[in-house]
C-alpha cells in the first residue's frame, strides 16, 4: 500500500505522520520545537524523522514526503528560505529529507499545504475554482483557479493578511503597513485589539498573563452575553473578515470559499460573517462559504502528505 509521509512544522511543535491515498492518518507523533531559527528547525526535522523511523515506523510503503513549514519557501527547488520573511541562509530541506529517506521530498508553505489537503481530500475536490482562507494566529489564503494552485513569482501568492482593510488604523502590522486585516482580525489581531480597548469598555474579559493571548472562545461567549468590549471585538472581526472575503471574491471569482484555522474552526463566527456578505458580490459563489472538514489540529499534517502526493503526480 502506497503511503505518504507528512511533516508539519510550526513555531512550537512538529507533527510527523503517515497518510494513505484517501488522506487517513495511519500513524503520527508530536515533537516539541520552540525553535525560532530555520537552520536549527531543519536540523530538528531531520532529527525527529530519525526518531519516527526508529520508534514508530511506517505502516504502508512511503512513496514521497511532504513538509509544510512556516515562512518563505521555494517550492520548485525544495528550498526553505526563511521562517520570518528575512531571507538568509536558504536550506535545501527537500533534498536533505529526500536523501535521508531515499524517496522524493517536497516542501511548501503551511497554508498552501492545507490548500493541497482541500484539493485532494476535502471540499476542494468538487471545485476547480476555490479559496481556502486560513484564519488563525495570522491570516493567509490558498487560491485555486481552474484546478491549479496559484503561486506567483515567489510562491507568495495568498498573503492576504497584509491586505489593508481599514485606512483609519494607526497600529502598524509586522509587514510595515497600517490597517492590515491580519493585525485586526486574526488570533493575534484579536488579542492586540483587546489590549487597545480594555480601558475604554466595561468588561468581564480576563486579561491574559504575559506571554498568553486573549481567549477567543471567551470573547465569543461574553459577546453573546452582551459584554460591551467583546461585542465590539466580534463586530470588528465579522466586518473585517466579511470585507476580506468579498475583496477576494472580486479578485479571483471562486465558486467556493473554505474557511479554516483556529479562530473559525468552532463555527461561531461563520453565520455572523455570512450575514455581512453582500448578495450581489457573492452571487457567483454557488457553493457558498463553508468550514473546512478537517480537524484544525491535523490539517497541516494531512496537507503536508498531500503536497507529497501532488508533487509525485506532477513529477510523473
Protein backbone atom coordinates (compact mmCIF):
# COMPACT_ATOMS: atom_id res chain seq x y z
CA UNK A 1 0.00 0.00 0.00
CA UNK A 2 1.43 3.35 -1.06
CA UNK A 3 1.50 5.98 1.65
CA UNK A 4 2.86 9.48 2.11
CA UNK A 5 4.86 10.97 4.95
CA UNK A 6 3.88 14.39 6.24
CA UNK A 7 6.00 16.75 8.35
CA UNK A 8 4.05 19.71 9.73
CA UNK A 9 6.43 22.20 11.30
CA UNK A 10 5.02 25.06 13.39
CA UNK A 11 6.60 27.54 15.74
CA UNK A 12 6.19 25.33 18.82
CA UNK A 13 5.57 21.81 17.53
CA UNK A 14 6.35 19.36 14.78
CA UNK A 15 3.94 16.65 13.71
CA UNK A 16 5.30 13.74 11.70
CA UNK A 17 2.92 11.16 10.37
CA UNK A 18 1.86 8.87 7.56
CA UNK A 19 -1.29 9.12 5.46
CA UNK A 20 -2.86 6.79 2.93
CA UNK A 21 -4.20 7.63 -0.55
CA UNK A 22 -7.51 8.78 0.98
CA UNK A 23 -5.92 11.15 3.47
CA UNK A 24 -6.43 8.93 6.51
CA UNK A 25 -3.74 9.24 9.18
CA UNK A 26 -2.06 5.87 9.68
CA UNK A 27 0.41 6.93 12.36
CA UNK A 28 1.59 10.13 13.95
CA UNK A 29 3.90 11.56 16.61
CA UNK A 30 4.21 15.06 18.03
CA UNK A 31 7.54 16.69 18.83
CA UNK A 32 8.14 19.94 20.67
CA UNK A 33 10.27 22.56 18.95
CA UNK A 34 10.11 26.15 20.21
CA UNK A 35 12.76 27.00 17.60
CA UNK A 36 12.99 30.46 16.06
CA UNK A 37 15.82 29.87 13.57
CA UNK A 38 15.12 27.90 10.40
CA UNK A 39 18.61 26.36 10.35
CA UNK A 40 18.01 24.83 13.77
CA UNK A 41 14.48 23.94 12.68
CA UNK A 42 15.72 21.99 9.66
CA UNK A 43 18.13 20.06 11.89
CA UNK A 44 15.24 19.34 14.27
CA UNK A 45 13.06 18.00 11.44
CA UNK A 46 15.80 15.58 10.37
CA UNK A 47 16.46 14.54 13.97
CA UNK A 48 12.76 13.84 14.56
CA UNK A 49 12.47 11.89 11.33
CA UNK A 50 15.19 9.57 12.67
CA UNK A 51 13.21 9.14 15.87
CA UNK A 52 9.95 8.50 14.00
CA UNK A 53 11.54 5.84 11.79
CA UNK A 54 13.09 4.02 14.75
CA UNK A 55 10.24 4.32 17.26
CA UNK A 56 7.04 4.48 15.18
CA UNK A 57 7.87 3.16 11.74
CA UNK A 58 5.69 3.02 8.67
CA UNK A 59 2.54 1.00 8.10
CA UNK A 60 2.49 1.44 4.32
CA UNK A 61 5.20 1.87 1.72
CA UNK A 62 6.04 5.58 1.64
CA UNK A 63 6.17 6.90 -1.92
CA UNK A 64 7.02 10.52 -1.12
CA UNK A 65 7.43 13.02 1.70
CA UNK A 66 5.83 16.43 2.08
CA UNK A 67 6.92 19.05 4.59
CA UNK A 68 4.82 22.07 5.49
CA UNK A 69 6.78 24.90 7.07
CA UNK A 70 6.19 28.47 8.16
CA UNK A 71 7.79 31.31 6.28
CA UNK A 72 9.15 31.62 2.75
CA UNK A 73 9.60 28.58 0.52
CA UNK A 74 10.98 27.99 -2.98
CA UNK A 75 8.57 25.18 -3.81
CA UNK A 76 10.06 24.33 -7.20
CA UNK A 77 13.55 23.71 -5.78
CA UNK A 78 12.63 22.42 -2.33
CA UNK A 79 14.39 25.28 -0.55
CA UNK A 80 13.32 26.77 2.77
CA UNK A 81 14.35 30.43 2.56
CA UNK A 82 13.31 31.67 5.99
CA UNK A 83 10.91 31.36 8.90
CA UNK A 84 10.46 35.09 9.43
CA UNK A 85 10.47 36.54 5.89
CA UNK A 86 14.08 37.74 6.31
CA UNK A 87 15.72 35.61 3.66
CA UNK A 88 19.14 34.45 4.86
CA UNK A 89 20.94 31.10 4.62
CA UNK A 90 18.47 29.20 2.42
CA UNK A 91 18.30 25.50 3.27
CA UNK A 92 17.67 22.72 0.68
CA UNK A 93 15.29 20.96 3.04
CA UNK A 94 13.64 18.92 0.30
CA UNK A 95 16.99 17.47 -0.78
CA UNK A 96 18.04 16.75 2.81
CA UNK A 97 14.82 14.87 3.58
CA UNK A 98 14.92 13.01 0.27
CA UNK A 99 18.48 11.85 0.89
CA UNK A 100 17.59 10.67 4.38
CA UNK A 101 14.57 8.61 3.30
CA UNK A 102 15.64 7.80 -0.28
CA UNK A 103 12.27 8.89 -1.70
CA UNK A 104 11.14 12.16 -3.35
CA UNK A 105 10.50 15.03 -0.92
CA UNK A 106 8.62 18.29 -1.42
CA UNK A 107 8.23 21.30 0.84
CA UNK A 108 5.72 24.13 0.87
CA UNK A 109 4.26 26.93 2.93
CA UNK A 110 1.90 25.62 5.63
CA UNK A 111 -1.25 27.29 4.25
CA UNK A 112 -0.54 26.05 0.73
CA UNK A 113 -0.22 22.57 2.25
CA UNK A 114 -3.65 22.93 3.83
CA UNK A 115 -4.99 24.08 0.47
CA UNK A 116 -3.49 20.93 -1.07
CA UNK A 117 -5.38 18.86 1.50
CA UNK A 118 -8.61 20.55 0.42
CA UNK A 119 -7.79 19.96 -3.27
CA UNK A 120 -7.11 16.25 -2.85
CA UNK A 121 -9.19 15.14 0.14
CA UNK A 122 -11.57 17.95 1.16
CA UNK A 123 -14.28 20.26 -0.14
CA UNK A 124 -11.97 21.40 -2.94
CA UNK A 125 -12.39 18.04 -4.68
CA UNK A 126 -15.69 19.36 -6.03
CA UNK A 127 -14.36 22.69 -7.29
CA UNK A 128 -11.85 23.93 -9.83
CA UNK A 129 -12.05 27.49 -8.51
CA UNK A 130 -11.99 27.92 -4.75
CA UNK A 131 -10.30 29.87 -1.99
CA UNK A 132 -9.04 28.29 1.20
CA UNK A 133 -8.82 31.08 3.80
CA UNK A 134 -6.91 30.25 6.96
CA UNK A 135 -7.83 32.44 9.94
CA UNK A 136 -5.69 31.52 12.90
CA UNK A 137 -2.80 33.28 14.60
CA UNK A 138 -2.36 35.03 11.25
CA UNK A 139 -4.36 35.16 8.02
CA UNK A 140 -3.37 33.71 4.66
CA UNK A 141 -5.06 32.01 1.73
CA UNK A 142 -4.59 29.40 -0.93
CA UNK A 143 -6.22 30.38 -4.23
CA UNK A 144 -7.10 27.65 -6.72
CA UNK A 145 -8.02 28.79 -10.22
CA UNK A 146 -9.01 26.37 -12.99
CA UNK A 147 -7.70 23.50 -10.89
CA UNK A 148 -4.26 25.00 -10.23
CA UNK A 149 -2.92 26.44 -7.00
CA UNK A 150 -1.76 29.98 -7.77
CA UNK A 151 1.78 30.59 -6.52
CA UNK A 152 3.07 33.78 -8.12
CA UNK A 153 6.64 34.69 -8.98
CA UNK A 154 7.97 33.99 -5.48
CA UNK A 155 5.45 31.45 -4.15
CA UNK A 156 3.98 34.29 -2.04
CA UNK A 157 0.53 34.41 -3.59
CA UNK A 158 -2.20 34.34 -0.97
CA UNK A 159 -0.59 36.56 1.69
CA UNK A 160 -3.95 38.30 2.04
CA UNK A 161 -3.44 39.02 5.74
CA UNK A 162 -1.44 42.01 4.58
CA UNK A 163 -4.33 43.50 2.65
CA UNK A 164 -5.19 46.89 4.12
CA UNK A 165 -8.79 46.73 5.29
CA UNK A 166 -9.03 49.91 7.40
CA UNK A 167 -7.19 53.09 6.40
CA UNK A 168 -8.10 54.79 9.68
CA UNK A 169 -5.96 52.47 11.82
CA UNK A 170 -2.68 53.68 13.25
CA UNK A 171 -1.45 50.33 14.55
CA UNK A 172 1.38 49.01 12.42
CA UNK A 173 1.40 45.47 11.06
CA UNK A 174 4.57 43.36 11.13
CA UNK A 175 4.82 43.95 7.37
CA UNK A 176 5.28 47.68 7.98
CA UNK A 177 1.87 48.88 6.75
CA UNK A 178 -1.07 50.10 8.81
CA UNK A 179 -4.58 48.68 8.90
CA UNK A 180 -3.76 45.18 7.58
CA UNK A 181 -6.51 42.66 8.23
CA UNK A 182 -4.09 40.27 9.97
CA UNK A 183 -3.28 42.92 12.57
CA UNK A 184 -7.01 43.38 13.26
CA UNK A 185 -8.95 40.17 12.67
CA UNK A 186 -6.62 37.20 13.25
CA UNK A 187 -5.99 35.49 16.58
CA UNK A 188 -3.06 37.83 17.19
CA UNK A 189 -5.10 40.76 15.91
CA UNK A 190 -7.98 39.98 18.26
CA UNK A 191 -5.51 39.97 21.13
CA UNK A 192 -3.95 43.28 20.07
CA UNK A 193 -7.35 44.93 19.66
CA UNK A 194 -8.50 43.73 23.08
CA UNK A 195 -5.40 45.21 24.72
CA UNK A 196 -6.02 48.52 22.96
CA UNK A 197 -9.67 48.69 24.03
CA UNK A 198 -9.64 47.27 27.58
CA UNK A 199 -9.70 50.67 29.24
CA UNK A 200 -12.49 52.02 27.02
CA UNK A 201 -15.17 49.47 27.97
CA UNK A 202 -16.66 47.74 30.97
CA UNK A 203 -15.82 44.06 30.52
CA UNK A 204 -15.66 40.65 32.15
CA UNK A 205 -12.98 39.52 29.70
CA UNK A 206 -9.96 38.15 31.52
CA UNK A 207 -6.70 39.97 30.96
CA UNK A 208 -4.18 37.41 29.68
CA UNK A 209 -1.00 36.78 31.58
CA UNK A 210 2.29 37.75 29.97
CA UNK A 211 3.11 35.51 27.03
CA UNK A 212 -0.50 34.43 26.53
CA UNK A 213 -3.24 35.72 24.24
CA UNK A 214 -6.84 36.69 24.82
CA UNK A 215 -9.04 33.58 24.69
CA UNK A 216 -11.22 33.77 21.57
CA UNK A 217 -13.81 31.33 22.93
CA UNK A 218 -14.25 33.56 25.99
CA UNK A 219 -14.63 36.62 23.74
CA UNK A 220 -17.35 34.87 21.74
CA UNK A 221 -19.20 33.69 24.85
CA UNK A 222 -19.13 37.08 26.53
CA UNK A 223 -20.21 38.79 23.31
CA UNK A 224 -23.38 36.68 23.33
CA UNK A 225 -23.93 37.76 26.96
CA UNK A 226 -23.77 41.41 25.96
CA UNK A 227 -20.29 42.28 27.22
CA UNK A 228 -19.54 45.69 25.62
CA UNK A 229 -15.86 45.07 24.87
CA UNK A 230 -16.41 41.58 23.48
CA UNK A 231 -19.35 42.77 21.38
CA UNK A 232 -17.11 45.47 19.90
CA UNK A 233 -14.34 42.95 19.21
CA UNK A 234 -16.63 40.44 17.50
CA UNK A 235 -18.32 43.14 15.42
CA UNK A 236 -14.89 44.16 14.15
CA UNK A 237 -14.00 40.55 13.36
CA UNK A 238 -17.20 39.97 11.43
CA UNK A 239 -16.97 43.19 9.43
CA UNK A 240 -13.28 42.88 8.59
CA UNK A 241 -13.38 39.19 7.64
CA UNK A 242 -16.50 39.68 5.54
CA UNK A 243 -14.83 42.55 3.68
CA UNK A 244 -11.71 40.47 3.10
CA UNK A 245 -13.78 37.62 1.69
CA UNK A 246 -15.69 39.93 -0.65
CA UNK A 247 -12.48 41.56 -1.86
CA UNK A 248 -11.02 38.14 -2.64
CA UNK A 249 -14.18 37.09 -4.47
CA UNK A 250 -13.88 40.14 -6.72
CA UNK A 251 -10.26 39.25 -7.50
CA UNK A 252 -10.39 35.53 -8.27
CA UNK A 253 -14.10 34.71 -8.88
CA UNK A 254 -14.32 31.42 -6.90
CA UNK A 255 -17.38 29.22 -6.64
CA UNK A 256 -16.43 28.08 -3.12
CA UNK A 257 -14.87 29.71 -0.05
CA UNK A 258 -13.45 27.28 2.53
CA UNK A 259 -12.61 28.68 5.96
CA UNK A 260 -10.03 27.01 8.19
CA UNK A 261 -7.85 27.87 11.14
CA UNK A 262 -8.29 28.03 14.87
CA UNK A 263 -10.26 31.28 15.06
CA UNK A 264 -13.15 29.95 12.95
CA UNK A 265 -12.97 26.19 13.50
CA UNK A 266 -15.68 26.07 16.19
CA UNK A 267 -18.20 27.56 13.73
CA UNK A 268 -19.24 30.51 15.91
CA UNK A 269 -18.08 33.21 13.50
CA UNK A 270 -19.31 31.57 10.29
CA UNK A 271 -23.02 32.56 10.32
CA UNK A 272 -22.12 36.03 11.58
CA UNK A 273 -19.64 36.59 8.77
CA UNK A 274 -22.14 35.31 6.22
CA UNK A 275 -24.72 37.85 7.40
CA UNK A 276 -22.30 40.63 6.42
CA UNK A 277 -21.69 39.37 2.87
CA UNK A 278 -23.27 41.36 0.04
CA UNK A 279 -25.51 39.07 -2.05
CA UNK A 280 -24.56 40.79 -5.31
CA UNK A 281 -20.87 40.28 -4.62
CA UNK A 282 -21.37 36.67 -3.59
CA UNK A 283 -23.79 35.60 -6.33
CA UNK A 284 -21.16 33.57 -8.20
CA UNK A 285 -20.02 31.68 -5.10
CA UNK A 286 -22.55 28.93 -5.77
CA UNK A 287 -21.16 26.50 -3.17
CA UNK A 288 -21.14 29.18 -0.51
CA UNK A 289 -18.83 29.93 2.39
CA UNK A 290 -18.19 26.72 4.33
CA UNK A 291 -15.94 25.42 7.07
CA UNK A 292 -13.11 23.06 6.30
CA UNK A 293 -13.99 19.45 7.07
CA UNK A 294 -10.55 18.84 8.59
CA UNK A 295 -9.69 18.89 12.25
CA UNK A 296 -7.51 22.03 12.54
CA UNK A 297 -5.05 20.12 14.73
CA UNK A 298 -4.19 17.73 11.89
CA UNK A 299 -4.88 19.60 8.64
CA UNK A 300 -1.22 20.65 8.43
CA UNK A 301 -0.07 17.04 8.65
CA UNK A 302 -2.60 15.83 6.07
CA UNK A 303 -1.74 18.80 3.88
CA UNK A 304 1.98 18.03 4.06
CA UNK A 305 1.26 14.47 2.96
CA UNK A 306 -0.96 15.85 0.17
CA UNK A 307 1.91 18.05 -1.07
CA UNK A 308 3.99 14.88 -1.33
CA UNK A 309 1.24 13.18 -3.32
CA UNK A 310 0.74 16.18 -5.61
CA UNK A 311 4.48 16.60 -6.16
CA UNK A 312 4.85 12.94 -7.12
CA UNK A 313 1.90 13.14 -9.53
CA UNK A 314 3.38 16.21 -11.24
CA UNK A 315 6.77 14.52 -11.48
CA UNK A 316 5.18 11.66 -13.38
